[in-house]
C-alpha atoms as a PDB file:
ATOM      1  CA  MET A   1      10.732 -20.612 -14.347  1.00  0.00           C
ATOM      2  CA  THR A   2       7.196 -20.001 -13.231  1.00  0.00           C
ATOM      3  CA  LEU A   3       5.432 -22.577 -11.118  1.00  0.00           C
ATOM      4  CA  GLU A   4       3.097 -25.402 -12.633  1.00  0.00           C
ATOM      5  CA  ARG A   5      -0.170 -24.341 -10.837  1.00  0.00           C
ATOM      6  CA  ARG A   6      -2.336 -27.590  -9.511  1.00  0.00           C
ATOM      7  CA  VAL A   7      -5.583 -26.856  -8.325  1.00  0.00           C
ATOM      8  CA  LEU A   8      -6.162 -29.291  -4.961  1.00  0.00           C
ATOM      9  CA  THR A   9      -8.481 -32.248  -5.067  1.00  0.00           C
ATOM     10  CA  VAL A  10     -11.597 -33.923  -3.427  1.00  0.00           C
ATOM     11  CA  THR A  11      -8.892 -36.816  -2.494  1.00  0.00           C
ATOM     12  CA  GLU A  12      -5.856 -33.797  -1.056  1.00  0.00           C
ATOM     13  CA  LEU A  13      -8.187 -32.269   1.107  1.00  0.00           C
ATOM     14  CA  ALA A  14     -10.275 -35.284   2.039  1.00  0.00           C
ATOM     15  CA  ASP A  15      -8.533 -35.455   5.713  1.00  0.00           C
ATOM     16  CA  VAL A  16      -8.599 -31.944   6.572  1.00  0.00           C
ATOM     17  CA  ALA A  17     -12.273 -31.756   5.515  1.00  0.00           C
ATOM     18  CA  ARG A  18     -13.015 -35.186   8.141  1.00  0.00           C
ATOM     19  CA  ALA A  19     -10.807 -33.180  10.381  1.00  0.00           C
ATOM     20  CA  ALA A  20     -12.917 -30.023  10.654  1.00  0.00           C
ATOM     21  CA  VAL A  21     -16.340 -31.573  10.701  1.00  0.00           C
ATOM     22  CA  GLY A  22     -16.553 -35.148  11.456  1.00  0.00           C
ATOM     23  CA  ALA A  23     -16.757 -38.270   9.049  1.00  0.00           C
ATOM     24  CA  ALA A  24     -20.712 -37.907   9.254  1.00  0.00           C
ATOM     25  CA  HIS A  25     -20.382 -35.411   6.107  1.00  0.00           C
ATOM     26  CA  ARG A  26     -18.105 -36.467   3.210  1.00  0.00           C
ATOM     27  CA  LEU A  27     -16.608 -34.000   1.289  1.00  0.00           C
ATOM     28  CA  VAL A  28     -17.613 -34.415  -2.337  1.00  0.00           C
ATOM     29  CA  ASP A  29     -16.540 -31.083  -4.641  1.00  0.00           C
ATOM     30  CA  VAL A  30     -13.725 -28.821  -4.137  1.00  0.00           C
ATOM     31  CA  THR A  31     -13.685 -25.686  -6.368  1.00  0.00           C
ATOM     32  CA  ARG A  32     -10.767 -22.960  -6.285  1.00  0.00           C
ATOM     33  CA  LEU A  33     -12.484 -19.582  -5.681  1.00  0.00           C
ATOM     34  CA  GLU A  34     -11.325 -16.659  -7.614  1.00  0.00           C
ATOM     35  CA  GLY A  35      -8.970 -13.671  -6.282  1.00  0.00           C
ATOM     36  CA  GLY A  36      -6.286 -15.426  -4.004  1.00  0.00           C
ATOM     37  CA  THR A  37      -2.836 -14.077  -5.243  1.00  0.00           C
ATOM     38  CA  LYS A  38      -1.128 -15.593  -1.856  1.00  0.00           C
ATOM     39  CA  LYS A  39      -3.174 -18.343  -0.633  1.00  0.00           C
ATOM     40  CA  GLY A  40      -5.853 -20.936  -2.126  1.00  0.00           C
ATOM     41  CA  VAL A  41      -8.965 -20.083  -0.903  1.00  0.00           C
ATOM     42  CA  TYR A  42     -11.348 -23.376  -2.088  1.00  0.00           C
ATOM     43  CA  ARG A  43     -15.139 -24.325  -1.028  1.00  0.00           C
ATOM     44  CA  LEU A  44     -15.570 -27.311   0.186  1.00  0.00           C
ATOM     45  CA  VAL A  45     -18.983 -29.415  -0.681  1.00  0.00           C
ATOM     46  CA  PHE A  46     -20.251 -31.928   1.749  1.00  0.00           C
ATOM     47  CA  ASP A  47     -22.550 -34.820   0.449  1.00  0.00           C
ATOM     48  CA  ASP A  48     -25.444 -33.179   2.798  1.00  0.00           C
ATOM     49  CA  GLY A  49     -25.146 -29.989   1.236  1.00  0.00           C
ATOM     50  CA  PHE A  50     -23.283 -28.336   4.064  1.00  0.00           C
ATOM     51  CA  THR A  51     -20.495 -25.964   2.417  1.00  0.00           C
ATOM     52  CA  ALA A  52     -17.245 -24.647   4.280  1.00  0.00           C
ATOM     53  CA  VAL A  53     -14.090 -22.693   2.933  1.00  0.00           C
ATOM     54  CA  ALA A  54     -10.342 -23.890   3.083  1.00  0.00           C
ATOM     55  CA  TYR A  55      -7.549 -21.368   3.315  1.00  0.00           C
ATOM     56  CA  VAL A  56      -4.405 -22.909   2.034  1.00  0.00           C
ATOM     57  CA  TRP A  57      -1.175 -21.468   2.831  1.00  0.00           C
ATOM     58  CA  ASP A  58       1.390 -23.615   0.703  1.00  0.00           C
ATOM     59  CA  ASP A  59       3.856 -22.058  -2.459  1.00  0.00           C
ATOM     60  CA  ASN A  60       1.728 -24.058  -5.347  1.00  0.00           C
ATOM     61  CA  GLU A  61      -1.097 -21.557  -4.316  1.00  0.00           C
ATOM     62  CA  ASN A  62       1.178 -18.528  -4.282  1.00  0.00           C
ATOM     63  CA  TYR A  63       1.920 -16.075  -7.536  1.00  0.00           C
ATOM     64  CA  TRP A  64       4.006 -13.752  -6.004  1.00  0.00           C
ATOM     65  CA  PRO A  65       7.224 -16.070  -5.195  1.00  0.00           C
ATOM     66  CA  SER A  66       7.744 -16.677  -8.986  1.00  0.00           C
ATOM     67  CA  VAL A  67       8.302 -12.665  -9.045  1.00  0.00           C
ATOM     68  CA  GLY A  68      10.420 -11.749  -6.312  1.00  0.00           C
ATOM     69  CA  SER A  69      10.398 -11.876  -2.700  1.00  0.00           C
ATOM     70  CA  ASP A  70       8.082 -10.162  -0.760  1.00  0.00           C
ATOM     71  CA  GLY A  71      10.235 -10.428   2.584  1.00  0.00           C
ATOM     72  CA  ALA A  72       7.204 -13.136   3.701  1.00  0.00           C
ATOM     73  CA  GLN A  73       8.789 -14.143   7.222  1.00  0.00           C
ATOM     74  CA  ASP A  74      10.030 -10.077   7.799  1.00  0.00           C
ATOM     75  CA  LEU A  75       6.919  -8.966  10.093  1.00  0.00           C
ATOM     76  CA  SER A  76       9.265  -6.055  11.186  1.00  0.00           C
ATOM     77  CA  ASP A  77       8.306  -4.312   7.642  1.00  0.00           C
ATOM     78  CA  PRO A  78       4.418  -3.573   8.110  1.00  0.00           C
ATOM     79  CA  PHE A  79       3.920  -3.960   4.002  1.00  0.00           C
ATOM     80  CA  SER A  80       5.699  -7.508   3.716  1.00  0.00           C
ATOM     81  CA  ASN A  81       3.973 -10.699   2.089  1.00  0.00           C
ATOM     82  CA  ALA A  82       0.579 -10.817   4.585  1.00  0.00           C
ATOM     83  CA  SER A  83      -0.032 -14.060   3.615  1.00  0.00           C
ATOM     84  CA  ALA A  84       0.322 -16.889   6.908  1.00  0.00           C
ATOM     85  CA  LEU A  85      -1.361 -18.823   9.641  1.00  0.00           C
ATOM     86  CA  ASP A  86       0.066 -17.101  12.569  1.00  0.00           C
ATOM     87  CA  LEU A  87      -1.158 -13.855  10.972  1.00  0.00           C
ATOM     88  CA  PHE A  88      -5.058 -14.707  10.023  1.00  0.00           C
ATOM     89  CA  GLU A  89      -5.353 -16.303  13.948  1.00  0.00           C
ATOM     90  CA  ALA A  90      -3.419 -12.493  15.632  1.00  0.00           C
ATOM     91  CA  SER A  91      -5.665 -10.770  13.317  1.00  0.00           C
ATOM     92  CA  ARG A  92      -8.614 -12.521  13.902  1.00  0.00           C
ATOM     93  CA  ARG A  93      -7.980 -12.493  17.576  1.00  0.00           C
ATOM     94  CA  HIS A  94      -8.017  -8.521  17.221  1.00  0.00           C
ATOM     95  CA  LEU A  95     -11.422  -8.268  15.181  1.00  0.00           C
ATOM     96  CA  GLU A  96     -13.063 -10.583  17.710  1.00  0.00           C
ATOM     97  CA  ALA A  97     -12.204  -8.799  21.079  1.00  0.00           C
ATOM     98  CA  LEU A  98     -13.954  -5.525  18.721  1.00  0.00           C
ATOM     99  CA  ALA A  99     -16.898  -7.901  18.231  1.00  0.00           C
ATOM    100  CA  ILE A 100     -16.223  -7.341  14.740  1.00  0.00           C
ATOM    101  CA  ARG A 101     -17.276 -10.059  12.043  1.00  0.00           C
ATOM    102  CA  SER A 102     -15.029 -12.203   9.987  1.00  0.00           C
ATOM    103  CA  PRO A 103     -15.685 -15.933   8.794  1.00  0.00           C
ATOM    104  CA  GLU A 104     -15.663 -18.389  12.377  1.00  0.00           C
ATOM    105  CA  ILE A 105     -13.015 -20.710  12.282  1.00  0.00           C
ATOM    106  CA  ILE A 106     -13.542 -24.113  12.238  1.00  0.00           C
ATOM    107  CA  LEU A 107     -10.598 -25.936  12.360  1.00  0.00           C
ATOM    108  CA  THR A 108      -6.541 -24.837  12.220  1.00  0.00           C
ATOM    109  CA  ASP A 109      -3.383 -27.083  11.208  1.00  0.00           C
ATOM    110  CA  ARG A 110      -0.213 -26.482  10.740  1.00  0.00           C
ATOM    111  CA  THR A 111       1.254 -29.933  11.557  1.00  0.00           C
ATOM    112  CA  ALA A 112       0.972 -31.297   8.257  1.00  0.00           C
ATOM    113  CA  THR A 113      -1.332 -34.013   9.636  1.00  0.00           C
ATOM    114  CA  HIS A 114      -3.900 -33.867   7.108  1.00  0.00           C
ATOM    115  CA  PHE A 115      -2.246 -31.378   4.182  1.00  0.00           C
ATOM    116  CA  PRO A 116       1.487 -30.706   3.651  1.00  0.00           C
ATOM    117  CA  GLY A 117       0.673 -27.064   4.390  1.00  0.00           C
ATOM    118  CA  ASP A 118      -0.342 -24.788   6.615  1.00  0.00           C
ATOM    119  CA  VAL A 119      -4.528 -24.827   6.599  1.00  0.00           C
ATOM    120  CA  ALA A 120      -7.564 -23.401   8.289  1.00  0.00           C
ATOM    121  CA  VAL A 121     -11.129 -24.848   7.372  1.00  0.00           C
ATOM    122  CA  VAL A 122     -13.601 -21.596   8.560  1.00  0.00           C
ATOM    123  CA  GLU A 123     -17.416 -20.787   7.771  1.00  0.00           C
ATOM    124  CA  ASP A 124     -18.645 -20.492   3.876  1.00  0.00           C
ATOM    125  CA  VAL A 125     -20.480 -16.688   4.160  1.00  0.00           C
ATOM    126  CA  THR A 126     -23.024 -17.407   1.276  1.00  0.00           C
ATOM    127  CA  GLY A 127     -24.375 -14.097   1.173  1.00  0.00           C
ATOM    128  CA  GLY A 128     -21.870 -12.588  -1.811  1.00  0.00           C
ATOM    129  CA  THR A 129     -19.712 -10.183  -1.630  1.00  0.00           C
ATOM    130  CA  LEU A 130     -20.311  -6.223  -1.278  1.00  0.00           C
ATOM    131  CA  GLU A 131     -18.877  -5.504  -4.405  1.00  0.00           C
ATOM    132  CA  ALA A 132     -21.494  -7.648  -5.890  1.00  0.00           C
ATOM    133  CA  LEU A 133     -24.381  -6.018  -3.882  1.00  0.00           C
ATOM    134  CA  ILE A 134     -23.191  -2.376  -4.667  1.00  0.00           C
ATOM    135  CA  ARG A 135     -23.300  -3.571  -8.592  1.00  0.00           C
ATOM    136  CA  SER A 136     -27.334  -5.192  -8.352  1.00  0.00           C
ATOM    137  CA  ASP A 137     -28.640  -2.843  -5.506  1.00  0.00           C
ATOM    138  CA  LEU A 138     -27.733   0.122  -4.455  1.00  0.00           C
ATOM    139  CA  ASP A 139     -30.321   0.724  -1.742  1.00  0.00           C
ATOM    140  CA  GLY A 140     -29.024  -2.692  -0.313  1.00  0.00           C
ATOM    141  CA  ALA A 141     -25.695  -1.490  -0.293  1.00  0.00           C
ATOM    142  CA  ALA A 142     -26.179   1.589   1.665  1.00  0.00           C
ATOM    143  CA  ASN A 143     -27.280  -0.422   4.554  1.00  0.00           C
ATOM    144  CA  VAL A 144     -24.310  -2.189   4.190  1.00  0.00           C
ATOM    145  CA  MET A 145     -22.099   0.642   4.031  1.00  0.00           C
ATOM    146  CA  GLY A 146     -23.550   2.125   7.111  1.00  0.00           C
ATOM    147  CA  LYS A 147     -22.377  -0.795   9.154  1.00  0.00           C
ATOM    148  CA  LEU A 148     -19.282  -1.320   7.351  1.00  0.00           C
ATOM    149  CA  GLY A 149     -18.617   2.564   8.471  1.00  0.00           C
ATOM    150  CA  GLU A 150     -19.742   1.724  11.944  1.00  0.00           C
ATOM    151  CA  THR A 151     -16.965  -1.532  11.561  1.00  0.00           C
ATOM    152  CA  LEU A 152     -14.019   0.903  10.426  1.00  0.00           C
ATOM    153  CA  ALA A 153     -14.840   3.474  13.675  1.00  0.00           C
ATOM    154  CA  ARG A 154     -13.945   0.651  15.751  1.00  0.00           C
ATOM    155  CA  MET A 155     -11.113  -0.488  14.330  1.00  0.00           C
ATOM    156  CA  ARG A 156      -9.612   3.357  14.044  1.00  0.00           C
ATOM    157  CA  GLY A 157     -10.803   3.684  17.873  1.00  0.00           C
ATOM    158  CA  HIS A 158      -8.794   0.781  18.750  1.00  0.00           C
ATOM    159  CA  LYS A 159      -5.399   2.572  18.940  1.00  0.00           C
ATOM    160  CA  GLY A 160      -1.893   1.448  19.499  1.00  0.00           C
ATOM    161  CA  GLN A 161       1.653   3.114  20.878  1.00  0.00           C
ATOM    162  CA  HIS A 162       3.112   1.288  18.168  1.00  0.00           C
ATOM    163  CA  PHE A 163       2.738   0.853  14.246  1.00  0.00           C
ATOM    164  CA  GLY A 164       2.795  -2.781  12.339  1.00  0.00           C
ATOM    165  CA  LYS A 165       1.165  -6.067  12.016  1.00  0.00           C
ATOM    166  CA  VAL A 166      -0.796  -7.371  14.942  1.00  0.00           C
ATOM    167  CA  ALA A 167       0.767 -10.459  14.966  1.00  0.00           C
ATOM    168  CA  LEU A 168       4.415  -8.475  15.570  1.00  0.00           C
ATOM    169  CA  ILE A 169       2.975  -5.827  18.110  1.00  0.00           C
ATOM    170  CA  ASP A 170       1.001  -8.921  19.944  1.00  0.00           C
ATOM    171  CA  GLU A 171       4.490 -10.321  20.682  1.00  0.00           C
ATOM    172  CA  GLY A 172       6.044  -7.289  21.827  1.00  0.00           C
ATOM    173  CA  GLY A 173       7.621  -6.852  18.612  1.00  0.00           C
ATOM    174  CA  VAL A 174       8.851  -3.355  16.881  1.00  0.00           C
ATOM    175  CA  SER A 175       8.680  -2.674  13.474  1.00  0.00           C
ATOM    176  CA  ALA A 176      11.314  -1.337  10.879  1.00  0.00           C
ATOM    177  CA  GLY A 177      11.450   2.158  10.830  1.00  0.00           C
ATOM    178  CA  ALA A 178      10.516   5.137  12.885  1.00  0.00           C
ATOM    179  CA  THR A 179       7.446   6.236  11.122  1.00  0.00           C
ATOM    180  CA  CYS A 180       4.592   5.510   9.275  1.00  0.00           C
ATOM    181  CA  GLU A 181       5.249   8.010   6.570  1.00  0.00           C
ATOM    182  CA  GLN A 182       8.792   6.972   6.259  1.00  0.00           C
ATOM    183  CA  VAL A 183       8.118   3.123   6.151  1.00  0.00           C
ATOM    184  CA  VAL A 184       5.736   4.472   3.048  1.00  0.00           C
ATOM    185  CA  MET A 185       8.569   6.584   1.542  1.00  0.00           C
ATOM    186  CA  ASP A 186      10.520   3.568   1.299  1.00  0.00           C
ATOM    187  CA  ARG A 187       8.131   1.397  -0.093  1.00  0.00           C
ATOM    188  CA  ALA A 188       7.556   4.275  -2.584  1.00  0.00           C
ATOM    189  CA  ILE A 189      10.709   4.372  -4.209  1.00  0.00           C
ATOM    190  CA  GLY A 190      11.155   0.628  -4.155  1.00  0.00           C
ATOM    191  CA  ASP A 191       7.701   0.808  -5.909  1.00  0.00           C
ATOM    192  CA  LEU A 192       9.289   3.635  -8.420  1.00  0.00           C
ATOM    193  CA  ALA A 193      12.389   1.236  -9.331  1.00  0.00           C
ATOM    194  CA  ASN A 194      10.265  -1.743 -10.143  1.00  0.00           C
ATOM    195  CA  ALA A 195       7.257   0.032 -11.886  1.00  0.00           C
ATOM    196  CA  ALA A 196      10.295   2.164 -14.036  1.00  0.00           C
ATOM    197  CA  SER A 197      12.045  -1.186 -14.933  1.00  0.00           C
ATOM    198  CA  ARG A 198       9.061  -2.427 -16.514  1.00  0.00           C
ATOM    199  CA  ASP A 199       7.330   0.674 -18.033  1.00  0.00           C
ATOM    200  CA  THR A 200       8.850   2.940 -20.105  1.00  0.00           C
ATOM    201  CA  ARG A 201       6.316   5.715 -19.248  1.00  0.00           C
ATOM    202  CA  VAL A 202       7.526   5.316 -15.541  1.00  0.00           C
ATOM    203  CA  ALA A 203      10.956   4.915 -16.157  1.00  0.00           C
ATOM    204  CA  ARG A 204      11.171   8.763 -18.205  1.00  0.00           C
ATOM    205  CA  GLN A 205       9.204  10.619 -15.030  1.00  0.00           C
ATOM    206  CA  ARG A 206      11.428   8.415 -12.276  1.00  0.00           C
ATOM    207  CA  GLY A 207      13.240  11.575 -11.445  1.00  0.00           C
ATOM    208  CA  GLN A 208      10.319  14.098 -11.180  1.00  0.00           C
ATOM    209  CA  LEU A 209       8.066  11.091  -9.456  1.00  0.00           C
ATOM    210  CA  GLU A 210      10.814  10.710  -7.005  1.00  0.00           C
ATOM    211  CA  GLU A 211      11.271  15.043  -6.553  1.00  0.00           C
ATOM    212  CA  LEU A 212       7.682  14.825  -5.701  1.00  0.00           C
ATOM    213  CA  ALA A 213       7.591  11.734  -3.326  1.00  0.00           C
ATOM    214  CA  HIS A 214      10.304  13.652  -1.442  1.00  0.00           C
ATOM    215  CA  GLU A 215       8.120  17.050  -1.682  1.00  0.00           C
ATOM    216  CA  LEU A 216       4.737  15.459  -0.315  1.00  0.00           C
ATOM    217  CA  VAL A 217       6.226  13.606   2.292  1.00  0.00           C
ATOM    218  CA  GLY A 218       7.820  16.699   3.622  1.00  0.00           C
ATOM    219  CA  PHE A 219       4.433  18.056   4.472  1.00  0.00           C
ATOM    220  CA  VAL A 220       3.839  15.332   6.848  1.00  0.00           C
ATOM    221  CA  ALA A 221       3.720  16.346  10.355  1.00  0.00           C
ATOM    222  CA  PRO A 222       5.340  13.600  12.836  1.00  0.00           C
ATOM    223  CA  ARG A 223       2.455  10.855  14.862  1.00  0.00           C
ATOM    224  CA  ALA A 224       2.536   9.185  17.974  1.00  0.00           C
ATOM    225  CA  GLN A 225      -0.261   6.920  17.943  1.00  0.00           C
ATOM    226  CA  TYR A 226      -2.177   4.760  15.501  1.00  0.00           C
ATOM    227  CA  GLY A 227      -5.504   3.008  14.631  1.00  0.00           C
ATOM    228  CA  LEU A 228      -6.535  -0.636  13.620  1.00  0.00           C
ATOM    229  CA  ILE A 229      -6.601  -1.187   9.565  1.00  0.00           C
ATOM    230  CA  HIS A 230      -7.213  -3.598   7.302  1.00  0.00           C
ATOM    231  CA  GLY A 231      -4.871  -2.623   5.086  1.00  0.00           C
ATOM    232  CA  GLU A 232      -6.880  -3.994   1.486  1.00  0.00           C
ATOM    233  CA  LEU A 233     -10.102  -3.236   2.448  1.00  0.00           C
ATOM    234  CA  GLY A 234     -12.301  -3.084  -1.013  1.00  0.00           C
ATOM    235  CA  PRO A 235     -15.623  -4.223  -1.720  1.00  0.00           C
ATOM    236  CA  ASP A 236     -14.389  -7.883  -2.879  1.00  0.00           C
ATOM    237  CA  HIS A 237     -12.890  -8.231   0.936  1.00  0.00           C
ATOM    238  CA  VAL A 238     -16.587  -7.791   2.284  1.00  0.00           C
ATOM    239  CA  LEU A 239     -18.616 -10.834   2.671  1.00  0.00           C
ATOM    240  CA  LEU A 240     -22.254 -10.422   3.529  1.00  0.00           C
ATOM    241  CA  ASP A 241     -24.053 -12.958   6.156  1.00  0.00           C
ATOM    242  CA  SER A 242     -27.591 -14.100   6.478  1.00  0.00           C
ATOM    243  CA  GLN A 243     -28.254 -11.074   8.351  1.00  0.00           C
ATOM    244  CA  ALA A 244     -26.766  -9.052   5.650  1.00  0.00           C
ATOM    245  CA  ASP A 245     -24.229  -7.883   8.223  1.00  0.00           C
ATOM    246  CA  PRO A 246     -20.306  -7.311   6.495  1.00  0.00           C
ATOM    247  CA  VAL A 247     -17.817  -9.998   7.484  1.00  0.00           C
ATOM    248  CA  LEU A 248     -14.206  -9.155   6.648  1.00  0.00           C
ATOM    249  CA  ILE A 249     -11.738 -11.631   4.449  1.00  0.00           C
ATOM    250  CA  ASP A 250      -8.229 -11.289   3.752  1.00  0.00           C
ATOM    251  CA  ILE A 251      -7.535  -9.840   7.197  1.00  0.00           C
ATOM    252  CA  GLU A 252      -3.737 -10.841   6.988  1.00  0.00           C
ATOM    253  CA  GLY A 253      -2.731  -7.831   6.561  1.00  0.00           C
ATOM    254  CA  LEU A 254      -4.299  -6.214   9.850  1.00  0.00           C
ATOM    255  CA  MET A 255      -2.216  -3.780  11.666  1.00  0.00           C
ATOM    256  CA  PHE A 256      -1.903  -0.840  13.376  1.00  0.00           C
ATOM    257  CA  PHE A 257      -0.816   2.119  11.380  1.00  0.00           C
ATOM    258  CA  ASP A 258      -2.289   5.613  10.342  1.00  0.00           C
ATOM    259  CA  ILE A 259      -5.712   5.441   9.513  1.00  0.00           C
ATOM    260  CA  GLU A 260      -5.014   7.725   6.457  1.00  0.00           C
ATOM    261  CA  TRP A 261      -3.435   4.970   4.441  1.00  0.00           C
ATOM    262  CA  GLU A 262      -6.895   2.679   4.998  1.00  0.00           C
ATOM    263  CA  HIS A 263      -8.893   5.838   3.649  1.00  0.00           C
ATOM    264  CA  ALA A 264      -6.757   6.658   0.713  1.00  0.00           C
ATOM    265  CA  PHE A 265      -7.305   2.889   0.003  1.00  0.00           C
ATOM    266  CA  LEU A 266     -10.871   2.859   0.532  1.00  0.00           C
ATOM    267  CA  ARG A 267     -11.174   6.046  -1.416  1.00  0.00           C
ATOM    268  CA  LEU A 268      -9.515   4.469  -4.258  1.00  0.00           C
ATOM    269  CA  ARG A 269     -11.568   1.332  -3.772  1.00  0.00           C
ATOM    270  CA  PHE A 270     -15.492   2.371  -3.113  1.00  0.00           C
ATOM    271  CA  GLY A 271     -15.568   6.027  -5.458  1.00  0.00           C
ATOM    272  CA  GLU A 272     -18.859   7.456  -5.314  1.00  0.00           C
ATOM    273  CA  GLN A 273     -19.439   5.009  -2.199  1.00  0.00           C
ATOM    274  CA  TYR A 274     -16.686   6.155  -0.178  1.00  0.00           C
ATOM    275  CA  ARG A 275     -19.165   8.876   1.468  1.00  0.00           C
ATOM    276  CA  TRP A 276     -20.355   6.150   3.338  1.00  0.00           C
ATOM    277  CA  LEU A 277     -16.670   5.381   5.071  1.00  0.00           C
ATOM    278  CA  GLU A 278     -15.634   9.412   5.385  1.00  0.00           C
ATOM    279  CA  CYS A 279     -14.730  10.368   8.984  1.00  0.00           C
ATOM    280  CA  SER A 280     -13.635  13.063  10.424  1.00  0.00           C
ATOM    281  CA  GLY A 281     -10.021  14.207  11.892  1.00  0.00           C
ATOM    282  CA  LEU A 282      -8.008  12.926   8.537  1.00  0.00           C
ATOM    283  CA  ASP A 283      -4.454  14.850   7.697  1.00  0.00           C
ATOM    284  CA  ASP A 284      -5.046  16.208   4.429  1.00  0.00           C
ATOM    285  CA  ASN A 285      -1.704  16.134   4.150  1.00  0.00           C
ATOM    286  CA  ARG A 286      -0.771  12.408   5.010  1.00  0.00           C
ATOM    287  CA  MET A 287      -4.427  11.713   2.927  1.00  0.00           C
ATOM    288  CA  THR A 288      -2.643  13.389  -0.348  1.00  0.00           C
ATOM    289  CA  PHE A 289       1.211  11.707  -0.177  1.00  0.00           C
ATOM    290  CA  TYR A 290      -0.276   8.011   0.718  1.00  0.00           C
ATOM    291  CA  THR A 291      -2.621   8.436  -2.072  1.00  0.00           C
ATOM    292  CA  PHE A 292       0.059   9.357  -4.566  1.00  0.00           C
ATOM    293  CA  ALA A 293       1.953   6.536  -2.589  1.00  0.00           C
ATOM    294  CA  MET A 294      -0.975   4.443  -3.428  1.00  0.00           C
ATOM    295  CA  HIS A 295      -1.542   4.970  -6.676  1.00  0.00           C
ATOM    296  CA  LEU A 296       2.373   3.816  -6.812  1.00  0.00           C
ATOM    297  CA  SER A 297       2.130   1.010  -5.334  1.00  0.00           C
ATOM    298  CA  LEU A 298      -0.775  -0.144  -7.641  1.00  0.00           C
ATOM    299  CA  VAL A 299       1.225   0.057 -10.297  1.00  0.00           C
ATOM    300  CA  ALA A 300       4.220  -1.594  -9.462  1.00  0.00           C
ATOM    301  CA  GLY A 301       2.354  -4.796  -7.797  1.00  0.00           C
ATOM    302  CA  PRO A 302       0.219  -5.743 -10.998  1.00  0.00           C
ATOM    303  CA  LEU A 303       3.518  -4.916 -13.072  1.00  0.00           C
ATOM    304  CA  ARG A 304       5.459  -7.239 -10.912  1.00  0.00           C
ATOM    305  CA  LEU A 305       2.749 -10.108 -10.141  1.00  0.00           C
ATOM    306  CA  LEU A 306       2.709 -10.281 -14.463  1.00  0.00           C
ATOM    307  CA  ASP A 307       5.818 -11.333 -14.117  1.00  0.00           C
ATOM    308  CA  GLY A 308       4.569 -14.393 -13.261  1.00  0.00           C
ATOM    309  CA  ASP A 309       2.174 -17.125 -14.191  1.00  0.00           C
ATOM    310  CA  TYR A 310      -0.924 -15.282 -12.573  1.00  0.00           C
ATOM    311  CA  PRO A 311      -4.073 -16.405 -14.763  1.00  0.00           C
ATOM    312  CA  HIS A 312      -5.944 -13.138 -15.284  1.00  0.00           C
ATOM    313  CA  ARG A 313      -3.090 -10.753 -16.671  1.00  0.00           C
ATOM    314  CA  HIS A 314      -5.641  -8.376 -18.297  1.00  0.00           C
ATOM    315  CA  PHE A 315      -7.188  -7.400 -15.373  1.00  0.00           C
ATOM    316  CA  LEU A 316      -3.501  -6.578 -13.857  1.00  0.00           C
ATOM    317  CA  GLU A 317      -3.145  -5.004 -16.930  1.00  0.00           C
ATOM    318  CA  GLN A 318      -6.005  -2.865 -16.713  1.00  0.00           C
ATOM    319  CA  ILE A 319      -5.352  -1.739 -12.726  1.00  0.00           C
ATOM    320  CA  ALA A 320      -1.826  -1.218 -13.553  1.00  0.00           C
ATOM    321  CA  GLU A 321      -2.652   1.100 -16.659  1.00  0.00           C
ATOM    322  CA  HIS A 322      -5.601   3.075 -14.462  1.00  0.00           C
ATOM    323  CA  HIS A 323      -3.254   4.037 -11.842  1.00  0.00           C
ATOM    324  CA  LEU A 324      -0.374   4.793 -14.002  1.00  0.00           C
ATOM    325  CA  HIS A 325      -2.853   7.961 -15.213  1.00  0.00           C
ATOM    326  CA  GLN A 326      -3.679   8.528 -11.656  1.00  0.00           C
ATOM    327  CA  LEU A 327      -0.005   8.842 -10.836  1.00  0.00           C
ATOM    328  CA  LEU A 328       0.804  10.718 -13.703  1.00  0.00           C
ATOM    329  CA  GLY A 329      -1.446  13.670 -12.943  1.00  0.00           C
ATOM    330  CA  PHE A 330       0.169  14.191  -9.993  1.00  0.00           C
ATOM    331  CA  LEU A 331       2.859  16.004 -11.967  1.00  0.00           C
ATOM    332  CA  PRO A 332       2.930  19.455 -13.270  1.00  0.00           C
END
């Protein structure tokens, strides 16, 4: 049974807004921004024109629980549901230490004093997304892409001796799985089962796809040092500030991991613009295996989400269909 989705109102967020900016600013409008599947993202508009953004971590804002558990509490799984205030705060600390922009925090509250759920109020970065800039102004986007490439260089230069979510590593925790490639392999087998149960084309090719996954991971050599990655850094997860500097959002999944996982995703999402983000030293065998696993994930994830009540269904169908064709292209 799906949850009855309800958009939060001015009345429900008024206490949070007042705690964040003070009584001198009166909240007059609230808009839920598109894109979030795990947390609610709301623009807060005040009577003097000031704006801020509220992140709300609450079951009513999360479209995933109705389609099966993502292991939200299992931080030992690098790919568990990356949606929690603790993850957001830990990720932002790492980015701040590297002088990498993410929205400035105005307030965090996990006490349920102002809202019956975890909430953060952050800076409203109003320059639009890099995705929109790429569509409208390629010359302007080239400048931002260059800056984003520098950001990624700082992140991959920030090394860790253990892989996993930064919130886990900071507390001395250890991720499940012996290696990054084994974690990706285990996830790929689960994604394959999920996708096969929802699409007959995957079901027909399941044996061949599993055999190919084992073959590809077999070419990957061991590694013992990891870089800092965002995990889902598409152009829609990069905002622009007033100086046209990139500002990273949806940062809760920040982790130490093979940087090839990041670059497999970047190459898929940025297409021709990926040339600004390329770097030397990537392992070709990891890139091939991770690209295969990424396509599989981008089939299984949208199909699972379609089991629930996510509203933009055609968009999910398009994603799943595109990546299914890419996935099957790996087969002889």
